[in-house]
Protein backbone atom coordinates (compact mmCIF):
# COMPACT_ATOMS: atom_id res chain seq x y z
CA MET A 1 -22.76 1.90 37.42
CA LYS A 2 -26.01 3.71 38.04
CA ARG A 3 -25.59 7.47 37.75
CA PRO A 4 -26.94 9.74 40.49
CA PRO A 5 -30.07 11.61 39.42
CA ILE A 6 -28.29 14.96 39.55
CA PHE A 7 -25.64 13.69 37.09
CA GLN A 8 -28.33 12.46 34.76
CA ALA A 9 -30.08 15.82 34.93
CA THR A 10 -26.84 17.64 34.30
CA ARG A 11 -26.06 15.43 31.33
CA VAL A 12 -29.53 15.94 29.85
CA GLY A 13 -29.38 19.67 30.52
CA PHE A 14 -25.96 19.91 28.88
CA ALA A 15 -27.25 18.00 25.89
CA ALA A 16 -30.22 20.34 25.69
CA VAL A 17 -28.05 23.41 25.78
CA THR A 18 -25.66 21.94 23.21
CA LEU A 19 -28.51 20.97 20.89
CA THR A 20 -30.10 24.37 21.30
CA ALA A 21 -26.81 26.04 20.40
CA LEU A 22 -26.33 23.81 17.37
CA LEU A 23 -29.87 24.32 16.15
CA GLY A 24 -29.63 28.03 16.78
CA ALA A 25 -26.36 28.23 14.87
CA THR A 26 -27.90 26.25 12.02
CA ALA A 27 -30.90 28.54 11.96
CA LEU A 28 -28.77 31.64 12.11
CA GLY A 29 -26.66 30.26 9.30
CA ALA A 30 -29.43 31.40 6.99
CA SER A 31 -29.21 34.91 8.43
CA PRO A 32 -27.49 37.57 6.33
CA ALA A 33 -25.56 38.56 9.44
CA MET A 34 -23.91 35.12 9.51
CA ALA A 35 -23.67 34.65 5.76
CA ALA A 36 -20.43 33.25 4.37
CA GLU A 37 -20.12 36.07 1.85
CA PRO A 38 -20.40 39.82 2.45
CA VAL A 39 -23.81 41.43 2.39
CA GLY A 40 -24.36 42.70 -1.12
CA GLY A 41 -22.27 40.18 -3.02
CA PRO A 42 -19.07 38.09 -2.91
CA LEU A 43 -16.91 40.74 -4.58
CA LEU A 44 -17.38 43.28 -1.80
CA THR A 45 -14.35 42.20 0.21
CA GLY A 46 -10.92 43.51 1.02
CA SER A 47 -9.63 47.05 1.04
CA GLY A 48 -8.85 47.61 -2.66
CA VAL A 49 -10.84 49.18 -5.46
CA ILE A 50 -13.62 46.98 -6.83
CA VAL A 51 -14.86 47.75 -10.33
CA ASP A 52 -15.74 45.81 -13.49
CA PRO A 53 -15.45 48.32 -16.34
CA GLY A 54 -16.44 47.67 -19.90
CA PRO A 55 -14.18 48.52 -22.84
CA ASN A 56 -15.64 52.00 -23.18
CA ALA A 57 -15.58 52.93 -19.50
CA SER A 58 -13.37 55.78 -18.37
CA ALA A 59 -10.85 55.42 -15.56
CA LEU A 60 -12.04 55.80 -12.00
CA PRO A 61 -10.92 59.00 -10.28
CA ASP A 62 -8.65 58.75 -7.24
CA VAL A 63 -10.68 60.25 -4.42
CA GLY A 64 -8.25 59.68 -1.56
CA ALA A 65 -10.78 58.07 0.81
CA SER A 66 -9.99 54.90 2.75
CA THR A 67 -13.38 53.40 1.90
CA TRP A 68 -16.19 54.43 -0.41
CA VAL A 69 -19.22 53.18 -2.35
CA LEU A 70 -20.85 54.50 -5.52
CA ALA A 71 -24.27 53.04 -6.27
CA ASP A 72 -27.44 53.45 -8.31
CA LEU A 73 -30.15 54.69 -5.94
CA ASN A 74 -32.98 53.22 -7.99
CA SER A 75 -31.73 49.67 -8.57
CA GLY A 76 -29.25 49.43 -5.71
CA ALA A 77 -26.51 48.29 -8.13
CA ILE A 78 -23.03 49.12 -6.87
CA LEU A 79 -21.02 50.59 -9.74
CA ALA A 80 -17.70 50.69 -7.91
CA ALA A 81 -16.37 50.58 -4.37
CA GLN A 82 -13.29 50.46 -2.22
CA GLY A 83 -13.25 48.53 1.07
CA PRO A 84 -17.04 48.80 1.29
CA HIS A 85 -17.41 46.69 4.46
CA ILE A 86 -14.42 48.07 6.37
CA GLN A 87 -15.75 49.35 9.69
CA ARG A 88 -14.84 52.86 10.71
CA ALA A 89 -16.15 55.62 12.93
CA PRO A 90 -19.00 57.33 11.03
CA ALA A 91 -18.96 60.75 12.73
CA SER A 92 -22.08 62.80 11.99
CA THR A 93 -23.15 60.72 9.00
CA LEU A 94 -24.64 58.49 11.73
CA LYS A 95 -27.32 61.17 12.12
CA THR A 96 -28.94 59.74 8.98
CA LEU A 97 -29.69 56.58 10.98
CA THR A 98 -31.03 58.72 13.82
CA ALA A 99 -33.35 60.49 11.40
CA LEU A 100 -34.48 57.32 9.62
CA THR A 101 -35.28 55.76 13.00
CA LEU A 102 -37.16 58.70 14.51
CA ILE A 103 -39.05 60.23 11.57
CA PRO A 104 -41.64 57.42 11.59
CA ARG A 105 -41.95 57.54 15.37
CA LEU A 106 -42.42 61.26 15.94
CA ASP A 107 -45.13 63.65 14.78
CA ALA A 108 -43.44 66.46 12.86
CA GLN A 109 -45.77 69.04 14.45
CA GLN A 110 -45.30 67.78 18.01
CA VAL A 111 -43.87 70.51 20.25
CA TYR A 112 -40.98 69.57 22.51
CA THR A 113 -39.53 71.69 25.31
CA THR A 114 -35.78 71.29 25.64
CA THR A 115 -33.88 70.51 28.83
CA TYR A 116 -30.41 71.37 30.03
CA ASN A 117 -29.15 67.92 29.04
CA ASP A 118 -30.38 68.46 25.49
CA VAL A 119 -28.47 71.67 24.95
CA ALA A 120 -25.34 70.99 27.04
CA VAL A 121 -23.68 68.73 24.48
CA GLU A 122 -20.24 68.74 22.94
CA GLY A 123 -19.44 69.61 19.40
CA SER A 124 -21.54 71.13 16.66
CA ARG A 125 -24.81 72.66 17.76
CA VAL A 126 -27.64 74.33 15.94
CA GLY A 127 -28.17 76.63 18.94
CA LEU A 128 -31.13 75.22 20.87
CA ILE A 129 -31.90 77.01 24.13
CA GLU A 130 -32.87 75.43 27.42
CA ASN A 131 -36.64 75.43 28.06
CA GLY A 132 -37.23 76.43 24.46
CA ASP A 133 -40.20 75.11 22.49
CA TYR A 134 -39.46 73.46 19.14
CA THR A 135 -41.49 71.38 16.77
CA VAL A 136 -40.03 68.01 15.87
CA ALA A 137 -39.70 69.29 12.28
CA GLU A 138 -37.51 72.15 13.53
CA LEU A 139 -35.33 69.68 15.43
CA PHE A 140 -34.87 67.63 12.26
CA GLN A 141 -33.92 70.80 10.39
CA GLY A 142 -31.26 71.46 12.99
CA LEU A 143 -30.07 67.88 12.71
CA PHE A 144 -29.73 67.86 8.92
CA LEU A 145 -28.68 71.40 8.09
CA GLN A 146 -26.32 72.32 10.94
CA SER A 147 -25.54 68.79 12.15
CA GLY A 148 -26.74 69.83 15.59
CA ASN A 149 -25.71 67.43 18.34
CA ASP A 150 -28.16 69.34 20.53
CA ALA A 151 -30.92 68.55 18.03
CA ALA A 152 -29.92 64.86 18.05
CA MET A 153 -30.18 64.75 21.84
CA ALA A 154 -33.50 66.62 21.90
CA LEU A 155 -35.01 64.25 19.33
CA ALA A 156 -33.96 61.26 21.43
CA SER A 157 -35.53 62.87 24.49
CA ALA A 158 -38.74 63.57 22.58
CA ASN A 159 -38.78 59.91 21.55
CA GLY A 160 -38.65 58.63 25.12
CA GLY A 161 -34.99 58.75 25.98
CA PHE A 162 -31.44 58.13 24.84
CA ASP A 163 -31.26 54.40 25.61
CA LEU A 164 -34.58 53.62 23.93
CA THR A 165 -33.55 55.58 20.85
CA LEU A 166 -30.20 53.81 20.60
CA ALA A 167 -31.91 50.42 20.82
CA GLN A 168 -34.31 51.45 18.05
CA MET A 169 -31.45 52.78 15.90
CA ASN A 170 -29.59 49.49 16.13
CA GLU A 171 -32.79 47.59 15.38
CA GLU A 172 -33.30 49.81 12.34
CA ALA A 173 -29.76 49.00 11.18
CA SER A 174 -30.60 45.30 11.53
CA ARG A 175 -33.80 45.78 9.51
CA LEU A 176 -31.74 47.32 6.72
CA GLN A 177 -29.12 44.53 6.93
CA ALA A 178 -26.57 47.17 7.91
CA PHE A 179 -24.64 44.65 9.97
CA ASP A 180 -21.40 46.67 9.99
CA THR A 181 -23.10 49.36 12.05
CA LEU A 182 -23.32 49.77 15.81
CA ALA A 183 -24.67 53.05 17.18
CA LYS A 184 -23.54 54.24 20.61
CA THR A 185 -24.71 57.85 20.26
CA THR A 186 -27.49 59.60 18.38
CA SER A 187 -25.16 62.32 17.11
CA GLY A 188 -22.08 60.49 15.87
CA LEU A 189 -19.90 61.92 18.64
CA PRO A 190 -16.98 59.56 19.34
CA ALA A 191 -17.90 56.53 21.42
CA GLU A 192 -15.99 53.32 21.99
CA GLY A 193 -17.25 50.62 19.64
CA GLN A 194 -19.34 52.94 17.46
CA ILE A 195 -18.82 51.87 13.86
CA SER A 196 -20.33 51.78 10.41
CA SER A 197 -19.12 51.23 6.85
CA ALA A 198 -19.41 52.91 3.47
CA TYR A 199 -21.76 50.09 2.43
CA ASP A 200 -24.02 50.54 5.46
CA LEU A 201 -24.15 54.31 5.09
CA ALA A 202 -25.34 53.77 1.53
CA LEU A 203 -28.05 51.38 2.75
CA ILE A 204 -29.22 53.88 5.36
CA ALA A 205 -29.20 56.81 2.95
CA ARG A 206 -30.99 54.88 0.22
CA ALA A 207 -33.76 53.91 2.65
CA GLY A 208 -34.03 57.49 3.87
CA LEU A 209 -34.22 59.03 0.42
CA THR A 210 -37.26 56.91 -0.44
CA ARG A 211 -39.15 58.98 2.15
CA PRO A 212 -40.39 62.43 1.07
CA ASP A 213 -40.01 63.76 4.64
CA PHE A 214 -36.39 62.60 4.95
CA LEU A 215 -35.56 63.93 1.47
CA GLY A 216 -37.24 67.23 2.30
CA TYR A 217 -35.01 67.79 5.33
CA ALA A 218 -31.85 66.65 3.54
CA ASN A 219 -32.54 68.87 0.51
CA THR A 220 -33.32 72.10 2.38
CA ILE A 221 -30.72 74.79 1.69
CA THR A 222 -31.55 77.39 4.36
CA VAL A 223 -34.09 78.12 7.08
CA THR A 224 -34.24 81.88 7.62
CA ASP A 225 -36.51 81.91 10.67
CA TYR A 226 -35.08 79.22 12.93
CA PRO A 227 -36.36 79.67 16.51
CA GLY A 228 -34.06 81.47 18.93
CA TYR A 229 -34.70 82.85 22.41
CA MET A 230 -38.20 82.64 23.80
CA PRO A 231 -40.09 85.98 24.01
CA THR A 232 -39.60 87.95 27.21
CA THR A 233 -43.06 89.54 27.17
CA ALA A 234 -46.51 87.97 27.09
CA ASN A 235 -47.21 88.77 23.45
CA GLY A 236 -43.66 89.29 22.33
CA ALA A 237 -42.16 87.78 19.19
CA ARG A 238 -39.63 85.03 19.48
CA GLU A 239 -36.18 85.77 18.10
CA THR A 240 -35.09 83.90 14.98
CA PHE A 241 -31.87 83.33 13.06
CA THR A 242 -30.76 81.68 9.83
CA ILE A 243 -29.28 78.21 9.48
CA ALA A 244 -27.72 76.85 6.29
CA ASN A 245 -27.07 73.37 4.94
CA GLN A 246 -23.44 72.29 5.38
CA ASN A 247 -23.49 69.89 2.40
CA PRO A 248 -21.04 71.45 -0.10
CA LEU A 249 -22.74 69.75 -3.07
CA LEU A 250 -25.96 71.56 -2.22
CA ASN A 251 -24.59 74.75 -0.70
CA PRO A 252 -20.97 75.44 -1.64
CA ILE A 253 -19.43 78.49 -0.02
CA ASP A 254 -16.26 78.79 -2.08
CA GLY A 255 -17.74 80.37 -5.18
CA ARG A 256 -18.63 77.14 -6.97
CA ALA A 257 -22.06 76.40 -8.29
CA PRO A 258 -24.01 73.62 -6.53
CA TYR A 259 -23.41 70.17 -7.97
CA GLU A 260 -25.86 69.53 -10.81
CA GLY A 261 -28.81 67.50 -9.52
CA ALA A 262 -27.63 67.36 -5.89
CA ILE A 263 -30.35 66.16 -3.49
CA GLY A 264 -28.43 65.71 -0.23
CA LEU A 265 -27.24 64.44 2.14
CA LYS A 266 -24.85 64.59 5.17
CA THR A 267 -21.35 65.61 6.18
CA GLY A 268 -19.30 64.43 9.14
CA TRP A 269 -15.96 64.98 10.80
CA THR A 270 -14.17 63.98 13.99
CA THR A 271 -10.50 63.57 14.77
CA GLU A 272 -10.97 59.81 15.00
CA ALA A 273 -13.08 59.40 11.85
CA GLY A 274 -11.55 62.05 9.64
CA LYS A 275 -14.02 63.40 7.12
CA THR A 276 -17.07 61.31 6.25
CA PHE A 277 -19.73 62.11 3.69
CA ILE A 278 -22.93 60.87 2.07
CA GLY A 279 -23.91 62.60 -1.17
CA ALA A 280 -26.66 62.01 -3.68
CA ALA A 281 -27.66 63.48 -7.02
CA GLU A 282 -30.16 62.78 -9.76
CA ARG A 283 -30.15 63.61 -13.46
CA GLY A 284 -33.10 62.54 -15.56
CA ASP A 285 -33.97 58.95 -14.69
CA THR A 286 -30.62 58.26 -13.03
CA ALA A 287 -29.97 58.82 -9.34
CA LEU A 288 -26.65 58.03 -7.66
CA ILE A 289 -25.36 57.89 -4.13
CA VAL A 290 -21.77 58.14 -2.96
CA THR A 291 -20.47 57.44 0.54
CA LEU A 292 -16.92 58.23 1.63
CA MET A 293 -15.13 57.54 4.92
CA ASN A 294 -11.80 58.81 6.22
CA PHE A 295 -10.72 61.34 3.62
CA SER A 296 -9.17 64.78 3.70
CA GLY A 297 -9.38 67.79 1.47
CA PRO A 298 -12.49 69.50 0.14
CA THR A 299 -15.56 67.27 0.22
CA PHE A 300 -16.74 68.58 -3.15
CA ASP A 301 -13.44 67.48 -4.73
CA ALA A 302 -13.82 63.96 -3.36
CA ALA A 303 -17.52 63.35 -4.05
CA ALA A 304 -18.16 65.17 -7.33
CA PRO A 305 -15.62 63.23 -9.47
CA LEU A 306 -17.11 59.89 -8.39
CA LEU A 307 -20.62 61.07 -9.15
CA ASP A 308 -19.48 62.44 -12.52
CA TRP A 309 -17.87 59.08 -13.32
CA GLY A 310 -21.04 57.27 -12.30
CA PHE A 311 -23.32 59.35 -14.50
CA ALA A 312 -20.93 58.94 -17.43
CA ASN A 313 -20.35 55.20 -17.02
CA ILE A 314 -23.49 53.71 -15.52
CA ASP A 315 -24.22 51.85 -18.77
CA ARG A 316 -20.59 50.92 -19.38
CA VAL A 317 -19.81 48.94 -16.24
CA THR A 318 -20.97 45.66 -14.77
CA PRO A 319 -22.20 46.10 -11.17
CA VAL A 320 -19.91 44.57 -8.57
CA GLY A 321 -22.61 44.16 -5.93
CA VAL A 322 -25.95 45.45 -4.75
CA LEU A 323 -27.45 47.48 -1.93
CA VAL A 324 -29.74 44.86 -0.43
CA ASP A 325 -33.36 45.54 0.45
CA PRO A 326 -34.59 45.68 4.06
CA VAL A 327 -35.69 42.38 5.59
CA ARG A 328 -39.08 43.79 6.57
CA PRO A 329 -41.16 46.94 6.06
CA ALA A 330 -40.43 50.19 7.83
CA LEU A 331 -42.19 50.84 11.12
CA ASP A 332 -44.76 53.27 9.78
CA ALA A 333 -45.53 50.97 6.83
CA VAL A 334 -46.35 48.16 9.26
CA ILE A 335 -48.50 50.48 11.36
CA ASP A 336 -50.21 51.72 8.21
CA GLU A 337 -51.08 48.19 7.12
CA THR A 338 -52.40 47.39 10.59
CA THR A 339 -54.43 50.58 10.88
CA ASN A 340 -55.89 50.26 7.38
CA ALA A 341 -56.60 46.53 7.54
CA PRO A 342 -60.15 45.64 6.36
CA ASP A 343 -62.71 45.15 9.09
CA GLN A 344 -63.13 41.46 9.82
CA GLY A 345 -66.42 41.95 11.64
CA GLY A 346 -67.24 42.59 15.27
CA SER A 347 -66.73 45.74 17.26
CA THR A 348 -63.43 47.26 18.23
CA PRO A 349 -63.15 48.54 21.79
CA ASP A 350 -62.11 52.14 22.18
CA GLY A 351 -58.35 52.47 22.13
CA ALA A 352 -57.76 49.01 20.66
CA ALA A 353 -56.24 50.35 17.46
CA ALA A 354 -53.92 52.59 19.44
CA ALA A 355 -52.92 49.65 21.59
CA ASP A 356 -52.14 47.60 18.48
CA THR A 357 -49.97 50.40 17.16
CA ALA A 358 -48.19 50.69 20.48
CA ASP A 359 -47.53 46.97 20.44
CA ILE A 360 -45.92 47.25 17.02
CA GLN A 361 -43.80 50.18 18.12
CA GLU A 362 -42.59 48.34 21.19
CA THR A 363 -41.71 45.19 19.23
CA THR A 364 -38.16 46.23 18.60
CA GLY A 365 -36.28 42.93 18.92
CA PRO A 366 -35.02 41.47 15.64
CA LEU A 367 -36.58 38.07 16.31
CA ALA A 368 -39.92 39.44 17.47
CA ALA A 369 -40.23 41.83 14.57
CA ALA A 370 -39.12 39.24 12.06
CA THR A 371 -41.61 36.66 13.25
CA THR A 372 -44.39 39.26 13.39
CA VAL A 373 -43.87 40.14 9.75
CA GLY A 374 -43.07 36.55 8.84
CA GLY A 375 -40.31 37.29 6.39
CA ASN A 376 -37.30 35.48 7.85
CA ALA A 377 -36.81 31.75 7.82
CA TRP A 378 -33.81 32.05 10.12
CA ALA A 379 -35.92 33.65 12.82
CA TRP A 380 -38.44 30.79 12.69
CA GLY A 381 -35.58 28.31 12.84
CA LEU A 382 -34.11 30.01 15.88
CA LEU A 383 -37.50 30.05 17.58
CA ALA A 384 -37.91 26.33 16.91
CA ALA A 385 -34.44 25.67 18.32
CA MET A 386 -35.31 27.59 21.47
CA ILE A 387 -38.51 25.63 21.93
CA VAL A 388 -36.72 22.30 21.50
CA GLY A 389 -34.01 23.40 23.91
CA ALA A 390 -36.57 24.47 26.52
CA LEU A 391 -38.33 21.11 26.20
CA LEU A 392 -35.10 19.21 26.69
CA VAL A 393 -34.17 21.31 29.71
CA PHE A 394 -37.63 20.61 31.18
CA LEU A 395 -37.07 16.88 30.70
CA GLY A 396 -33.68 17.19 32.33
CA ILE A 397 -35.20 18.88 35.38
CA ARG A 398 -37.81 16.17 35.65
CA SER A 399 -35.06 13.57 35.75
CA MET A 400 -33.81 15.17 38.98
CA ARG A 401 -36.78 13.76 40.85
CA PRO A 402 -35.77 10.72 42.93
CA PRO A 403 -37.41 7.44 41.97
CA LYS A 404 -40.43 6.32 43.89
CA PRO A 405 -39.55 3.71 46.57
CA ARG A 406 -40.25 0.15 45.59
CA PRO A 407 -42.85 -1.76 47.63
CA ARG A 408 -41.27 -3.93 50.32
CA ARG A 409 -42.10 -7.60 50.35
CA ASN A 410 -44.37 -8.88 53.08
CA TYR A 411 -45.23 -5.39 54.26
CA ALA A 412 -48.51 -3.55 54.09
CA GLN A 413 -48.96 -1.14 51.16
CA ARG A 414 -47.37 2.16 52.03
CA SER A 415 -49.01 5.51 51.72
CA HIS A 416 -48.29 7.39 48.48
CA ASP A 417 -47.90 10.73 50.22
CA ASP A 418 -44.24 10.58 49.27
CA ALA A 419 -45.31 11.19 45.69
CA ALA A 420 -45.15 14.86 46.60
CA GLU A 421 -41.47 14.63 47.47
CA GLY A 422 -39.17 16.61 45.37
CA SER A 423 -41.73 19.10 44.19
CA MET A 424 -39.22 21.14 44.41
CA GLY A 425 -28.75 77.94 19.65
CA PRO A 426 -28.15 81.01 20.38
CA ASP A 427 -26.08 79.80 23.23
CA ALA A 428 -23.90 78.15 20.62
CA PRO A 429 -23.29 80.67 17.80
CA ALA A 430 -21.63 79.48 14.64
CA ASP A 431 -18.28 80.98 15.48
CA VAL A 432 -17.79 78.81 18.57
CA ARG A 433 -18.65 75.45 17.02
CA THR A 434 -15.33 73.63 17.16
CA ASP A 435 -16.26 70.07 16.56
CA PHE A 436 -17.66 67.99 14.03
CA GLU A 437 -18.47 69.81 10.93
CA PRO A 438 -17.45 73.44 10.87
CA ALA A 439 -20.42 75.77 10.60
CA ALA A 440 -21.32 76.68 7.02
CA PRO A 441 -19.87 80.24 7.08
CA GLN A 442 -16.45 78.87 8.14
CA ARG A 443 -16.38 75.53 6.35
CA THR A 444 -13.24 74.72 4.38
CA ASP A 445 -14.92 72.25 2.05
């Protein structure tokens, strides 16, 4: 039986869609996100402790965290872990992803004037004031030292808005292969579906600590002249106050000395997440990072024993996995290469270089960025699958055209006109911060 043209088109279109899906799935099969084994190695599964000690290695300390990772910052080798890919709420440790995303996009000396929406946020605040002028560097100080949710919101606003910043944060997580992570806020405040893992936090922190600017913010102990209220007279001085780093390895407040070699990084706490923490330290040629999620008790007592064990046993254990490298260069590295590319001859119209940079900044989709840099076979495979699918759909639509009428016998030749048928701050002093990491003077860890 001869099928109606619409059935034929539907069948071809269905085949095209099916083939596209199959080809796309095949292409994505090469993607780390769809890999059969966990990112970082086949051992990084489950919820138990993962370690491969040698005969001379000492016993791992019991840190009381649901999930954690201890890794070599230089090589990326994971020395030990527990449930590294278990997804949990990250709390304010997510601010490290905010910082890593925005530092390359914002000029540190740019001045931003805050709005009501920036300062009227829940939870921990550095104390920004409405209509106050702050440099981007000062906002990052508030983000790192006092875990300011107001600073996180202001940085997103300075970057062009909350939604744009979230999209860029999730793209940055994809670039790092942090596939356990989904950002829904810039601050780490609770949000449905917002997750990360101890493994991903280690990836983010490792990428951040390779940047001198990121490390500089994370390693600052105090800022004694943080901007307060704007002056009330024409030539008056602006009020200032002191902010202090809440990382207990860097700035303990319980009489302990700072942890030897501490270089950062970030605390976090919400009712949903419990305590979360990223810590890093270096001694000689060895640098370690520890990430912990969902623990209680003093942060120093959870992080320091793991770091101590790592420094003592780094040459006595066999790594159980690795912190993988990003799939493509960081945004500012790509811009740098474009801006500093050798002249190929010919003149460049005014503004062309800026336009090129803008194009790179706006290319935030994983596929677009991957194909621009040319480092991912899976992206090329997906693109090919999409092209084949589009071609098959086009052929299916063409089949919808009715057949041309056959010439009738013994009649004069008809006109072919029917061929055209069917063309168818100070407002938030330390003693009222109730949320997400207690202010340094009142911290219990």
